[in-house]
């Protein structure tokens, strides 16, 4: 998916869960760029045969199996994207954290407590 499509999808998701603010646009753009690149890596992986294990020859001339470096890059990008998703409240844990912060900010105290606080007691 292209960056522009990702941006729309992410923004729409933020609006749907109630976490969108215009000040988040730069974060949304960064996430869209990461996801576009991640998609390109996935396509490259599939086009190259989608082999999860590859054979590599080390400096000593020994050939060993290892995780495909393309998958390592994909996984890194996916983990980075996940942290952005969380920060935008687009995962259950991320949304819960945002909701709890919002609840703390609007939490009302008792009238007596407010009066005592105003008096400096």
Foldseek 3Di string as FASTA:
>chain_A
DALVVQLVVLQVLLVVLVQDDPVCSVLSSVLSVLVRVLVVLVVVCVVVPVDQWDWDQDPVRDIDIDGPVSVVSSVVSVVVSVVSCLCSLNDPNSVVVVVVVVCVVPPDDDPVVVVCVVVVD
